[in-house]
Amino acid sequence: MAALPPLAPAGLHSPGVRLAAALGRPFLDRGIRRLPFPQQLRRRLEMLGPTYIKLGQIMAIREDLLPAAVCRELQNLFDWLPPIPFPQLRALVEAGLDRPPEDVFLEIDPVPLGSASIAQVHRAVTMHGERVVLKVMKPGIREAIVSDLKLLQILGVLLQWALPRYQPRQVIAEFSAYTIREVDYSSEADNAEMFAANFRREPFMDSARRLARSA
């Protein structure tokens, strides 16, 4: 019997189909088409997924480039997004640690402190009694972001030809580099340790530690 083809096609075919489907859904939704343009833009970015939500969040603070009404609407992308269920999160933690979470944590609060487009965070207590915040990337996010960034880079080449004045290729390249760094949690952990070391003598750090102990 011949082997079945891979589940996910290689190259840009799979993300291209996904992007085309995602772009098509809003146009078929009459409810979205009746919305004002800023709301349409936000809804379409939400439907396209985490990479485009992140792009919308960056656009939300660029009132130097976009109308104020658009920026205000895109600021809604900073709001709380639905978290994944705790059993699923626990499975992700176990896969990441390659052992049961109970071997590392005395407790993980099942209620998240926050949930965004890429990750969600939970209070936890280590086996040594240290109170920490556990940040877990939602399933499939890394793969989706890598695929989406390939498409955006191709789009950047096309837009550079059409709109060279605004340097879209450079803008998308910078956005891609920033987004890749954001899903590298080892880099984020290094930055957090550097921040703590640089500001360890500042009064607000003592207040933050006391607040964490009392939480």
N, C-alpha and C. Protein backbone atom coordinates (compact mmCIF):
# COMPACT_ATOMS: atom_id res chain seq x y z
N MET A 1 0.85 -1.21 0.00
CA MET A 1 0.00 0.00 0.00
C MET A 1 0.88 1.25 0.00
N ALA A 2 0.56 2.18 -0.85
CA ALA A 2 1.33 3.42 -0.90
C ALA A 2 1.10 4.25 0.36
N ALA A 3 2.15 4.94 0.77
CA ALA A 3 2.03 5.77 1.97
C ALA A 3 1.12 6.95 1.69
N LEU A 4 0.39 7.33 2.72
CA LEU A 4 -0.46 8.50 2.60
C LEU A 4 0.39 9.75 2.55
N PRO A 5 -0.08 10.80 1.86
CA PRO A 5 0.69 12.05 1.84
C PRO A 5 0.71 12.68 3.21
N PRO A 6 1.70 13.53 3.49
CA PRO A 6 1.76 14.21 4.80
C PRO A 6 0.47 14.97 5.06
N LEU A 7 0.14 15.07 6.35
CA LEU A 7 -1.10 15.74 6.73
C LEU A 7 -1.06 17.22 6.39
N ALA A 8 0.07 17.86 6.65
CA ALA A 8 0.21 19.30 6.38
C ALA A 8 1.13 19.48 5.18
N PRO A 9 0.67 20.04 4.07
CA PRO A 9 1.53 20.24 2.90
C PRO A 9 2.71 21.13 3.23
N ALA A 10 3.82 20.86 2.57
CA ALA A 10 5.01 21.67 2.82
C ALA A 10 4.92 22.98 2.07
N GLY A 11 5.87 23.87 2.38
CA GLY A 11 5.93 25.14 1.67
C GLY A 11 4.82 26.09 2.07
N LEU A 12 4.38 26.90 1.11
CA LEU A 12 3.41 27.95 1.39
C LEU A 12 2.00 27.56 1.00
N HIS A 13 1.80 26.32 0.51
CA HIS A 13 0.46 25.96 0.04
C HIS A 13 -0.54 25.96 1.19
N SER A 14 -0.18 25.29 2.28
CA SER A 14 -1.12 25.17 3.40
C SER A 14 -1.49 26.53 4.00
N PRO A 15 -0.50 27.38 4.37
CA PRO A 15 -0.89 28.69 4.90
C PRO A 15 -1.63 29.55 3.89
N GLY A 16 -1.32 29.37 2.57
CA GLY A 16 -2.02 30.16 1.57
C GLY A 16 -3.50 29.82 1.53
N VAL A 17 -3.80 28.52 1.59
CA VAL A 17 -5.20 28.11 1.60
C VAL A 17 -5.89 28.63 2.85
N ARG A 18 -5.18 28.54 3.99
CA ARG A 18 -5.77 29.01 5.25
C ARG A 18 -6.04 30.51 5.22
N LEU A 19 -5.10 31.26 4.64
CA LEU A 19 -5.29 32.71 4.55
C LEU A 19 -6.45 33.05 3.61
N ALA A 20 -6.53 32.35 2.47
CA ALA A 20 -7.61 32.63 1.53
C ALA A 20 -8.97 32.34 2.16
N ALA A 21 -9.04 31.23 2.91
CA ALA A 21 -10.31 30.89 3.56
C ALA A 21 -10.67 31.92 4.62
N ALA A 22 -9.65 32.33 5.39
CA ALA A 22 -9.92 33.30 6.45
C ALA A 22 -10.34 34.65 5.88
N LEU A 23 -9.71 35.05 4.76
CA LEU A 23 -10.07 36.32 4.13
C LEU A 23 -11.47 36.26 3.54
N GLY A 24 -11.85 35.09 3.07
CA GLY A 24 -13.15 34.96 2.43
C GLY A 24 -14.31 34.96 3.39
N ARG A 25 -14.10 34.40 4.60
CA ARG A 25 -15.21 34.30 5.55
C ARG A 25 -15.83 35.64 5.90
N PRO A 26 -15.03 36.69 6.22
CA PRO A 26 -15.66 37.96 6.57
C PRO A 26 -16.50 38.55 5.44
N PHE A 27 -16.07 38.34 4.18
CA PHE A 27 -16.82 38.91 3.07
C PHE A 27 -18.15 38.19 2.87
N LEU A 28 -18.22 36.94 3.32
CA LEU A 28 -19.47 36.20 3.20
C LEU A 28 -20.41 36.48 4.37
N ASP A 29 -19.91 37.10 5.41
CA ASP A 29 -20.70 37.39 6.60
C ASP A 29 -21.34 38.76 6.42
N ARG A 30 -22.64 38.77 6.15
CA ARG A 30 -23.32 40.05 5.90
C ARG A 30 -23.31 40.94 7.13
N GLY A 31 -23.31 40.32 8.32
CA GLY A 31 -23.28 41.12 9.54
C GLY A 31 -22.02 41.95 9.63
N ILE A 32 -20.88 41.37 9.25
CA ILE A 32 -19.62 42.10 9.28
C ILE A 32 -19.59 43.18 8.21
N ARG A 33 -20.11 42.87 7.03
CA ARG A 33 -20.09 43.85 5.94
C ARG A 33 -20.90 45.10 6.25
N ARG A 34 -21.86 44.98 7.16
CA ARG A 34 -22.67 46.16 7.52
C ARG A 34 -22.00 47.03 8.58
N LEU A 35 -20.93 46.54 9.18
CA LEU A 35 -20.26 47.30 10.23
C LEU A 35 -19.46 48.46 9.64
N PRO A 36 -19.20 49.51 10.44
CA PRO A 36 -18.29 50.57 9.98
C PRO A 36 -16.91 49.98 9.72
N PHE A 37 -16.14 50.68 8.88
CA PHE A 37 -14.84 50.13 8.48
C PHE A 37 -13.93 49.79 9.65
N PRO A 38 -13.77 50.64 10.67
CA PRO A 38 -12.87 50.26 11.78
C PRO A 38 -13.27 48.94 12.43
N GLN A 39 -14.57 48.71 12.63
CA GLN A 39 -15.01 47.46 13.24
C GLN A 39 -14.80 46.28 12.29
N GLN A 40 -15.03 46.52 10.99
CA GLN A 40 -14.76 45.46 10.01
C GLN A 40 -13.30 45.04 10.06
N LEU A 41 -12.41 46.01 10.12
CA LEU A 41 -10.98 45.73 10.14
C LEU A 41 -10.62 44.90 11.38
N ARG A 42 -11.13 45.30 12.54
CA ARG A 42 -10.83 44.56 13.76
C ARG A 42 -11.33 43.13 13.68
N ARG A 43 -12.57 42.95 13.23
CA ARG A 43 -13.15 41.62 13.16
C ARG A 43 -12.37 40.73 12.18
N ARG A 44 -11.94 41.29 11.06
CA ARG A 44 -11.21 40.49 10.10
C ARG A 44 -9.84 40.09 10.63
N LEU A 45 -9.21 40.99 11.34
CA LEU A 45 -7.92 40.64 11.97
C LEU A 45 -8.11 39.54 13.00
N GLU A 46 -9.19 39.62 13.78
CA GLU A 46 -9.46 38.57 14.77
C GLU A 46 -9.67 37.22 14.10
N MET A 47 -10.37 37.20 12.98
CA MET A 47 -10.64 35.95 12.29
C MET A 47 -9.39 35.37 11.63
N LEU A 48 -8.46 36.24 11.25
CA LEU A 48 -7.24 35.75 10.62
C LEU A 48 -6.30 35.08 11.61
N GLY A 49 -6.42 35.39 12.90
CA GLY A 49 -5.64 34.66 13.89
C GLY A 49 -4.60 35.50 14.61
N PRO A 50 -3.76 34.85 15.44
CA PRO A 50 -2.89 35.56 16.38
C PRO A 50 -1.87 36.49 15.74
N THR A 51 -1.30 36.11 14.60
CA THR A 51 -0.31 36.97 13.95
C THR A 51 -0.93 38.30 13.56
N TYR A 52 -2.14 38.26 13.01
CA TYR A 52 -2.80 39.46 12.54
C TYR A 52 -3.39 40.26 13.70
N ILE A 53 -3.76 39.57 14.78
CA ILE A 53 -4.16 40.29 15.99
C ILE A 53 -2.98 41.09 16.52
N LYS A 54 -1.81 40.46 16.53
CA LYS A 54 -0.60 41.17 16.98
C LYS A 54 -0.29 42.36 16.07
N LEU A 55 -0.46 42.18 14.77
CA LEU A 55 -0.26 43.29 13.83
C LEU A 55 -1.25 44.41 14.11
N GLY A 56 -2.50 44.04 14.39
CA GLY A 56 -3.52 45.04 14.73
C GLY A 56 -3.19 45.79 16.01
N GLN A 57 -2.60 45.09 16.99
CA GLN A 57 -2.21 45.75 18.24
C GLN A 57 -1.14 46.80 18.00
N ILE A 58 -0.22 46.49 17.09
CA ILE A 58 0.81 47.48 16.76
C ILE A 58 0.19 48.66 16.00
N MET A 59 -0.73 48.36 15.09
CA MET A 59 -1.41 49.42 14.35
C MET A 59 -2.22 50.32 15.30
N ALA A 60 -2.71 49.76 16.40
CA ALA A 60 -3.57 50.51 17.31
C ALA A 60 -2.87 51.69 17.97
N ILE A 61 -1.55 51.65 18.03
CA ILE A 61 -0.81 52.75 18.68
C ILE A 61 -0.15 53.67 17.66
N ARG A 62 -0.46 53.48 16.38
CA ARG A 62 0.16 54.29 15.33
C ARG A 62 -0.81 55.34 14.82
N GLU A 63 -1.19 56.26 15.70
CA GLU A 63 -2.08 57.35 15.29
C GLU A 63 -1.38 58.32 14.35
N ASP A 64 -0.06 58.19 14.22
CA ASP A 64 0.66 59.02 13.26
C ASP A 64 0.45 58.52 11.83
N LEU A 65 -0.02 57.26 11.69
CA LEU A 65 -0.24 56.68 10.37
C LEU A 65 -1.70 56.43 10.05
N LEU A 66 -2.51 56.14 11.09
CA LEU A 66 -3.89 55.71 10.87
C LEU A 66 -4.87 56.70 11.50
N PRO A 67 -6.10 56.78 10.97
CA PRO A 67 -7.12 57.64 11.59
C PRO A 67 -7.38 57.23 13.04
N ALA A 68 -7.72 58.23 13.85
CA ALA A 68 -7.95 57.98 15.28
C ALA A 68 -9.05 56.96 15.51
N ALA A 69 -10.10 56.99 14.67
CA ALA A 69 -11.22 56.05 14.85
C ALA A 69 -10.76 54.61 14.65
N VAL A 70 -9.86 54.39 13.69
CA VAL A 70 -9.33 53.05 13.44
C VAL A 70 -8.48 52.60 14.63
N CYS A 71 -7.61 53.48 15.11
CA CYS A 71 -6.75 53.13 16.25
C CYS A 71 -7.57 52.81 17.49
N ARG A 72 -8.62 53.59 17.75
CA ARG A 72 -9.45 53.33 18.92
C ARG A 72 -10.11 51.96 18.82
N GLU A 73 -10.59 51.61 17.65
CA GLU A 73 -11.24 50.31 17.49
C GLU A 73 -10.24 49.16 17.62
N LEU A 74 -9.05 49.34 17.07
CA LEU A 74 -8.04 48.28 17.14
C LEU A 74 -7.52 48.09 18.56
N GLN A 75 -7.69 49.10 19.41
CA GLN A 75 -7.28 48.93 20.81
C GLN A 75 -8.09 47.86 21.52
N ASN A 76 -9.24 47.50 20.97
CA ASN A 76 -10.03 46.40 21.54
C ASN A 76 -9.31 45.06 21.40
N LEU A 77 -8.31 45.00 20.52
CA LEU A 77 -7.55 43.76 20.36
C LEU A 77 -6.64 43.50 21.56
N PHE A 78 -6.47 44.50 22.43
CA PHE A 78 -5.69 44.30 23.65
C PHE A 78 -6.53 43.64 24.74
N ASP A 79 -7.82 43.52 24.54
CA ASP A 79 -8.71 42.99 25.58
C ASP A 79 -8.44 41.51 25.82
N TRP A 80 -9.00 41.04 26.94
CA TRP A 80 -8.93 39.64 27.32
C TRP A 80 -9.54 38.76 26.23
N LEU A 81 -8.84 37.69 25.87
CA LEU A 81 -9.36 36.71 24.92
C LEU A 81 -9.65 35.40 25.66
N PRO A 82 -10.57 34.58 25.17
CA PRO A 82 -10.94 33.36 25.88
C PRO A 82 -9.74 32.45 26.14
N PRO A 83 -9.56 31.97 27.38
CA PRO A 83 -8.43 31.08 27.66
C PRO A 83 -8.73 29.66 27.21
N ILE A 84 -7.66 28.88 27.03
CA ILE A 84 -7.87 27.46 26.78
C ILE A 84 -8.21 26.79 28.11
N PRO A 85 -8.95 25.68 28.11
CA PRO A 85 -9.33 25.01 29.36
C PRO A 85 -8.09 24.54 30.13
N PHE A 86 -8.22 24.52 31.47
CA PHE A 86 -7.07 24.18 32.30
C PHE A 86 -6.53 22.77 32.02
N PRO A 87 -7.36 21.73 31.80
CA PRO A 87 -6.79 20.42 31.49
C PRO A 87 -5.89 20.44 30.25
N GLN A 88 -6.28 21.23 29.25
CA GLN A 88 -5.45 21.35 28.06
C GLN A 88 -4.16 22.07 28.37
N LEU A 89 -4.24 23.12 29.19
CA LEU A 89 -3.04 23.84 29.59
C LEU A 89 -2.10 22.94 30.38
N ARG A 90 -2.68 22.13 31.29
CA ARG A 90 -1.86 21.22 32.08
C ARG A 90 -1.10 20.25 31.17
N ALA A 91 -1.78 19.76 30.12
CA ALA A 91 -1.13 18.85 29.18
C ALA A 91 0.02 19.54 28.45
N LEU A 92 -0.14 20.81 28.12
CA LEU A 92 0.93 21.56 27.46
C LEU A 92 2.13 21.72 28.39
N VAL A 93 1.86 22.01 29.66
CA VAL A 93 2.94 22.16 30.64
C VAL A 93 3.69 20.83 30.79
N GLU A 94 2.94 19.74 30.86
CA GLU A 94 3.57 18.42 31.01
C GLU A 94 4.43 18.09 29.80
N ALA A 95 3.93 18.41 28.60
CA ALA A 95 4.72 18.15 27.38
C ALA A 95 5.98 19.01 27.36
N GLY A 96 5.87 20.26 27.81
CA GLY A 96 7.03 21.14 27.83
C GLY A 96 8.08 20.73 28.84
N LEU A 97 7.63 20.25 30.00
CA LEU A 97 8.56 19.83 31.05
C LEU A 97 9.03 18.39 30.88
N ASP A 98 8.31 17.63 30.06
CA ASP A 98 8.59 16.21 29.88
C ASP A 98 8.43 15.43 31.19
N ARG A 99 7.52 15.90 32.03
CA ARG A 99 7.20 15.23 33.29
C ARG A 99 5.94 15.87 33.85
N PRO A 100 5.26 15.23 34.77
CA PRO A 100 4.03 15.81 35.31
C PRO A 100 4.29 17.15 36.00
N PRO A 101 3.39 18.10 35.85
CA PRO A 101 3.58 19.40 36.51
C PRO A 101 3.71 19.27 38.03
N GLU A 102 3.10 18.24 38.60
CA GLU A 102 3.16 18.06 40.05
C GLU A 102 4.58 17.77 40.54
N ASP A 103 5.47 17.37 39.63
CA ASP A 103 6.87 17.17 40.01
C ASP A 103 7.62 18.48 40.15
N VAL A 104 7.05 19.55 39.60
CA VAL A 104 7.73 20.85 39.60
C VAL A 104 6.99 21.89 40.43
N PHE A 105 5.65 21.83 40.42
CA PHE A 105 4.84 22.84 41.09
C PHE A 105 4.00 22.21 42.20
N LEU A 106 3.99 22.89 43.34
CA LEU A 106 3.07 22.49 44.40
C LEU A 106 1.63 22.81 44.01
N GLU A 107 1.50 23.91 43.25
CA GLU A 107 0.15 24.38 42.90
C GLU A 107 0.21 25.21 41.63
N ILE A 108 -0.78 25.05 40.78
CA ILE A 108 -1.01 25.94 39.63
C ILE A 108 -2.45 26.40 39.71
N ASP A 109 -2.65 27.70 39.78
CA ASP A 109 -4.01 28.24 39.86
C ASP A 109 -4.73 27.97 38.53
N PRO A 110 -5.85 27.26 38.55
CA PRO A 110 -6.54 26.95 37.28
C PRO A 110 -7.18 28.17 36.64
N VAL A 111 -7.34 29.26 37.39
CA VAL A 111 -7.94 30.49 36.84
C VAL A 111 -6.81 31.39 36.34
N PRO A 112 -6.77 31.70 35.06
CA PRO A 112 -5.65 32.49 34.53
C PRO A 112 -5.68 33.94 35.00
N LEU A 113 -4.49 34.48 35.16
CA LEU A 113 -4.36 35.92 35.41
C LEU A 113 -4.71 36.72 34.17
N GLY A 114 -4.38 36.19 33.03
CA GLY A 114 -4.67 36.86 31.77
C GLY A 114 -4.58 35.89 30.62
N SER A 115 -5.26 36.23 29.53
CA SER A 115 -5.25 35.38 28.34
C SER A 115 -5.26 36.29 27.12
N ALA A 116 -4.24 36.14 26.26
CA ALA A 116 -4.12 36.99 25.08
C ALA A 116 -4.12 36.12 23.83
N SER A 117 -3.71 36.69 22.71
CA SER A 117 -3.78 35.97 21.45
C SER A 117 -2.76 34.85 21.35
N ILE A 118 -1.63 34.99 22.04
CA ILE A 118 -0.55 34.02 21.91
C ILE A 118 -0.44 33.11 23.13
N ALA A 119 -0.64 33.64 24.32
CA ALA A 119 -0.40 32.86 25.53
C ALA A 119 -1.37 33.26 26.62
N GLN A 120 -1.33 32.50 27.71
CA GLN A 120 -2.05 32.87 28.92
C GLN A 120 -1.15 32.59 30.11
N VAL A 121 -1.42 33.28 31.23
CA VAL A 121 -0.55 33.19 32.40
C VAL A 121 -1.36 32.77 33.63
N HIS A 122 -0.71 32.00 34.49
CA HIS A 122 -1.33 31.49 35.71
C HIS A 122 -0.37 31.68 36.88
N ARG A 123 -0.93 31.94 38.07
CA ARG A 123 -0.12 31.89 39.27
C ARG A 123 0.26 30.45 39.57
N ALA A 124 1.47 30.26 40.12
CA ALA A 124 1.92 28.92 40.49
C ALA A 124 2.87 29.02 41.67
N VAL A 125 3.07 27.89 42.33
CA VAL A 125 4.01 27.80 43.46
C VAL A 125 4.94 26.63 43.18
N THR A 126 6.25 26.88 43.22
CA THR A 126 7.21 25.82 42.95
C THR A 126 7.32 24.88 44.15
N MET A 127 8.05 23.80 43.96
CA MET A 127 8.26 22.82 45.02
C MET A 127 9.03 23.43 46.20
N HIS A 128 9.75 24.53 45.94
CA HIS A 128 10.50 25.21 47.00
C HIS A 128 9.68 26.32 47.66
N GLY A 129 8.41 26.44 47.29
CA GLY A 129 7.54 27.43 47.89
C GLY A 129 7.63 28.81 47.28
N GLU A 130 8.33 28.94 46.17
CA GLU A 130 8.45 30.25 45.51
C GLU A 130 7.23 30.51 44.65
N ARG A 131 6.64 31.70 44.81
CA ARG A 131 5.49 32.10 44.01
C ARG A 131 5.98 32.62 42.66
N VAL A 132 5.45 32.07 41.59
CA VAL A 132 5.88 32.46 40.24
C VAL A 132 4.65 32.65 39.37
N VAL A 133 4.88 33.18 38.18
CA VAL A 133 3.84 33.29 37.16
C VAL A 133 4.23 32.37 36.02
N LEU A 134 3.34 31.49 35.65
CA LEU A 134 3.57 30.50 34.60
C LEU A 134 2.92 30.99 33.31
N LYS A 135 3.72 31.19 32.29
CA LYS A 135 3.23 31.66 31.00
C LYS A 135 3.30 30.50 30.00
N VAL A 136 2.16 30.18 29.39
CA VAL A 136 2.07 29.03 28.51
C VAL A 136 1.54 29.48 27.15
N MET A 137 2.25 29.11 26.09
CA MET A 137 1.81 29.42 24.73
C MET A 137 0.64 28.51 24.34
N LYS A 138 -0.36 29.08 23.74
CA LYS A 138 -1.52 28.31 23.32
C LYS A 138 -1.15 27.35 22.19
N PRO A 139 -1.85 26.22 22.08
CA PRO A 139 -1.47 25.19 21.11
C PRO A 139 -1.58 25.67 19.67
N GLY A 140 -0.57 25.28 18.87
CA GLY A 140 -0.57 25.59 17.44
C GLY A 140 -0.18 27.01 17.09
N ILE A 141 0.07 27.85 18.09
CA ILE A 141 0.35 29.26 17.83
C ILE A 141 1.66 29.45 17.09
N ARG A 142 2.71 28.78 17.54
CA ARG A 142 4.03 28.97 16.92
C ARG A 142 3.99 28.60 15.43
N GLU A 143 3.39 27.47 15.11
CA GLU A 143 3.33 27.02 13.72
C GLU A 143 2.51 27.99 12.87
N ALA A 144 1.38 28.46 13.42
CA ALA A 144 0.53 29.40 12.67
C ALA A 144 1.26 30.70 12.41
N ILE A 145 2.02 31.18 13.40
CA ILE A 145 2.73 32.45 13.24
C ILE A 145 3.82 32.32 12.17
N VAL A 146 4.57 31.23 12.19
CA VAL A 146 5.63 31.04 11.19
C VAL A 146 5.03 31.03 9.78
N SER A 147 3.91 30.33 9.59
CA SER A 147 3.27 30.29 8.28
C SER A 147 2.77 31.66 7.86
N ASP A 148 2.13 32.37 8.80
CA ASP A 148 1.58 33.69 8.47
C ASP A 148 2.67 34.69 8.13
N LEU A 149 3.81 34.60 8.83
CA LEU A 149 4.89 35.55 8.56
C LEU A 149 5.48 35.33 7.18
N LYS A 150 5.51 34.09 6.70
CA LYS A 150 5.97 33.84 5.33
C LYS A 150 5.08 34.55 4.32
N LEU A 151 3.77 34.48 4.57
CA LEU A 151 2.83 35.15 3.67
C LEU A 151 2.99 36.66 3.73
N LEU A 152 3.17 37.19 4.92
CA LEU A 152 3.33 38.64 5.07
C LEU A 152 4.59 39.13 4.37
N GLN A 153 5.64 38.33 4.41
CA GLN A 153 6.88 38.73 3.74
C GLN A 153 6.70 38.78 2.23
N ILE A 154 5.94 37.84 1.68
CA ILE A 154 5.63 37.89 0.25
C ILE A 154 4.78 39.12 -0.06
N LEU A 155 3.80 39.39 0.82
CA LEU A 155 2.97 40.58 0.64
C LEU A 155 3.82 41.84 0.70
N GLY A 156 4.83 41.84 1.57
CA GLY A 156 5.71 43.00 1.68
C GLY A 156 6.45 43.29 0.39
N VAL A 157 6.87 42.24 -0.32
CA VAL A 157 7.55 42.42 -1.60
C VAL A 157 6.61 43.07 -2.62
N LEU A 158 5.36 42.60 -2.66
CA LEU A 158 4.38 43.15 -3.60
C LEU A 158 4.05 44.60 -3.25
N LEU A 159 3.84 44.88 -1.95
CA LEU A 159 3.51 46.24 -1.54
C LEU A 159 4.68 47.19 -1.75
N GLN A 160 5.90 46.68 -1.65
CA GLN A 160 7.07 47.53 -1.86
C GLN A 160 7.09 48.05 -3.30
N TRP A 161 6.64 47.21 -4.21
CA TRP A 161 6.57 47.64 -5.62
C TRP A 161 5.47 48.66 -5.82
N ALA A 162 4.33 48.48 -5.11
CA ALA A 162 3.18 49.36 -5.32
C ALA A 162 3.27 50.64 -4.49
N LEU A 163 3.82 50.54 -3.26
CA LEU A 163 3.84 51.68 -2.33
C LEU A 163 5.24 51.85 -1.73
N PRO A 164 6.24 52.11 -2.55
CA PRO A 164 7.62 52.19 -2.03
C PRO A 164 7.82 53.32 -1.01
N ARG A 165 6.98 54.35 -1.09
CA ARG A 165 7.13 55.49 -0.18
C ARG A 165 7.01 55.09 1.27
N TYR A 166 6.16 54.09 1.57
CA TYR A 166 5.89 53.70 2.96
C TYR A 166 6.76 52.55 3.44
N GLN A 167 7.70 52.08 2.61
CA GLN A 167 8.63 51.02 2.98
C GLN A 167 7.93 49.81 3.62
N PRO A 168 6.89 49.26 2.97
CA PRO A 168 6.16 48.14 3.60
C PRO A 168 7.03 46.91 3.81
N ARG A 169 7.98 46.67 2.92
CA ARG A 169 8.84 45.49 3.10
C ARG A 169 9.65 45.59 4.38
N GLN A 170 10.17 46.77 4.66
CA GLN A 170 10.95 46.97 5.89
C GLN A 170 10.06 46.87 7.12
N VAL A 171 8.86 47.46 7.04
CA VAL A 171 7.93 47.42 8.16
C VAL A 171 7.56 45.97 8.51
N ILE A 172 7.25 45.18 7.46
CA ILE A 172 6.87 43.79 7.70
C ILE A 172 8.06 42.97 8.20
N ALA A 173 9.25 43.27 7.70
CA ALA A 173 10.45 42.57 8.18
C ALA A 173 10.67 42.84 9.66
N GLU A 174 10.50 44.11 10.09
CA GLU A 174 10.66 44.44 11.50
C GLU A 174 9.57 43.78 12.35
N PHE A 175 8.33 43.78 11.84
CA PHE A 175 7.24 43.12 12.56
C PHE A 175 7.51 41.63 12.70
N SER A 176 8.02 40.99 11.63
CA SER A 176 8.31 39.56 11.67
C SER A 176 9.38 39.25 12.71
N ALA A 177 10.44 40.06 12.72
CA ALA A 177 11.52 39.82 13.69
C ALA A 177 11.01 40.00 15.11
N TYR A 178 10.19 41.02 15.34
CA TYR A 178 9.63 41.27 16.67
C TYR A 178 8.73 40.12 17.10
N THR A 179 7.90 39.63 16.19
CA THR A 179 6.95 38.56 16.53
C THR A 179 7.67 37.25 16.83
N ILE A 180 8.71 36.94 16.05
CA ILE A 180 9.49 35.72 16.31
C ILE A 180 10.14 35.80 17.68
N ARG A 181 10.64 36.97 18.05
CA ARG A 181 11.25 37.11 19.39
C ARG A 181 10.20 36.92 20.47
N GLU A 182 8.97 37.36 20.20
CA GLU A 182 7.92 37.29 21.22
C GLU A 182 7.53 35.85 21.54
N VAL A 183 7.65 34.95 20.58
CA VAL A 183 7.29 33.55 20.85
C VAL A 183 8.51 32.75 21.30
N ASP A 184 9.64 33.41 21.51
CA ASP A 184 10.82 32.76 22.08
C ASP A 184 10.86 33.09 23.56
N TYR A 185 10.31 32.20 24.38
CA TYR A 185 10.17 32.51 25.80
C TYR A 185 11.49 32.42 26.55
N SER A 186 12.50 31.75 25.98
CA SER A 186 13.81 31.76 26.62
C SER A 186 14.41 33.17 26.58
N SER A 187 14.19 33.87 25.47
CA SER A 187 14.65 35.25 25.35
C SER A 187 13.89 36.14 26.33
N GLU A 188 12.58 35.91 26.45
CA GLU A 188 11.77 36.70 27.39
C GLU A 188 12.22 36.47 28.83
N ALA A 189 12.56 35.22 29.17
CA ALA A 189 13.03 34.92 30.53
C ALA A 189 14.36 35.63 30.80
N ASP A 190 15.25 35.64 29.79
CA ASP A 190 16.53 36.34 29.97
C ASP A 190 16.30 37.82 30.20
N ASN A 191 15.37 38.42 29.45
CA ASN A 191 15.08 39.84 29.62
C ASN A 191 14.50 40.14 31.00
N ALA A 192 13.65 39.24 31.50
CA ALA A 192 13.06 39.43 32.82
C ALA A 192 14.13 39.37 33.91
N GLU A 193 15.07 38.44 33.77
CA GLU A 193 16.14 38.34 34.76
C GLU A 193 17.04 39.57 34.71
N MET A 194 17.31 40.06 33.50
CA MET A 194 18.13 41.27 33.37
C MET A 194 17.43 42.47 33.98
N PHE A 195 16.12 42.57 33.76
CA PHE A 195 15.34 43.68 34.33
C PHE A 195 15.40 43.62 35.86
N ALA A 196 15.19 42.42 36.41
CA ALA A 196 15.20 42.27 37.86
C ALA A 196 16.57 42.62 38.44
N ALA A 197 17.64 42.22 37.73
CA ALA A 197 18.99 42.51 38.22
C ALA A 197 19.29 44.01 38.17
N ASN A 198 18.84 44.68 37.11
CA ASN A 198 19.13 46.10 36.95
C ASN A 198 18.37 46.97 37.94
N PHE A 199 17.17 46.50 38.36
CA PHE A 199 16.31 47.33 39.21
C PHE A 199 16.10 46.73 40.60
N ARG A 200 16.99 45.81 40.99
CA ARG A 200 16.78 45.10 42.26
C ARG A 200 16.82 46.03 43.47
N ARG A 201 17.48 47.18 43.36
CA ARG A 201 17.58 48.11 44.49
C ARG A 201 16.51 49.19 44.46
N GLU A 202 15.65 49.16 43.47
CA GLU A 202 14.61 50.17 43.36
C GLU A 202 13.46 49.85 44.32
N PRO A 203 12.88 50.86 44.98
CA PRO A 203 11.79 50.62 45.94
C PRO A 203 10.60 49.89 45.34
N PHE A 204 10.27 50.16 44.07
CA PHE A 204 9.08 49.54 43.50
C PHE A 204 9.26 48.03 43.36
N MET A 205 10.52 47.54 43.26
CA MET A 205 10.75 46.10 43.18
C MET A 205 10.42 45.43 44.51
N ASP A 206 10.75 46.10 45.64
CA ASP A 206 10.39 45.55 46.95
C ASP A 206 8.88 45.48 47.09
N SER A 207 8.17 46.51 46.60
CA SER A 207 6.71 46.50 46.68
C SER A 207 6.14 45.37 45.84
N ALA A 208 6.73 45.14 44.67
CA ALA A 208 6.25 44.08 43.79
C ALA A 208 6.46 42.71 44.45
N ARG A 209 7.60 42.55 45.13
CA ARG A 209 7.85 41.26 45.80
C ARG A 209 6.86 41.03 46.93
N ARG A 210 6.58 42.09 47.72
CA ARG A 210 5.63 41.94 48.82
C ARG A 210 4.24 41.62 48.28
N LEU A 211 3.87 42.28 47.18
CA LEU A 211 2.56 42.03 46.58
C LEU A 211 2.47 40.58 46.08
N ALA A 212 3.56 40.07 45.48
CA ALA A 212 3.55 38.70 45.00
C ALA A 212 3.44 37.71 46.15
N ARG A 213 4.08 38.01 47.28
CA ARG A 213 4.01 37.08 48.42
C ARG A 213 2.63 37.05 49.03
N SER A 214 1.93 38.20 48.96
CA SER A 214 0.60 38.26 49.58
C SER A 214 -0.51 37.76 48.68
N ALA A 215 -0.20 37.58 47.38
CA ALA A 215 -1.23 37.17 46.40
C ALA A 215 -1.71 35.74 46.67
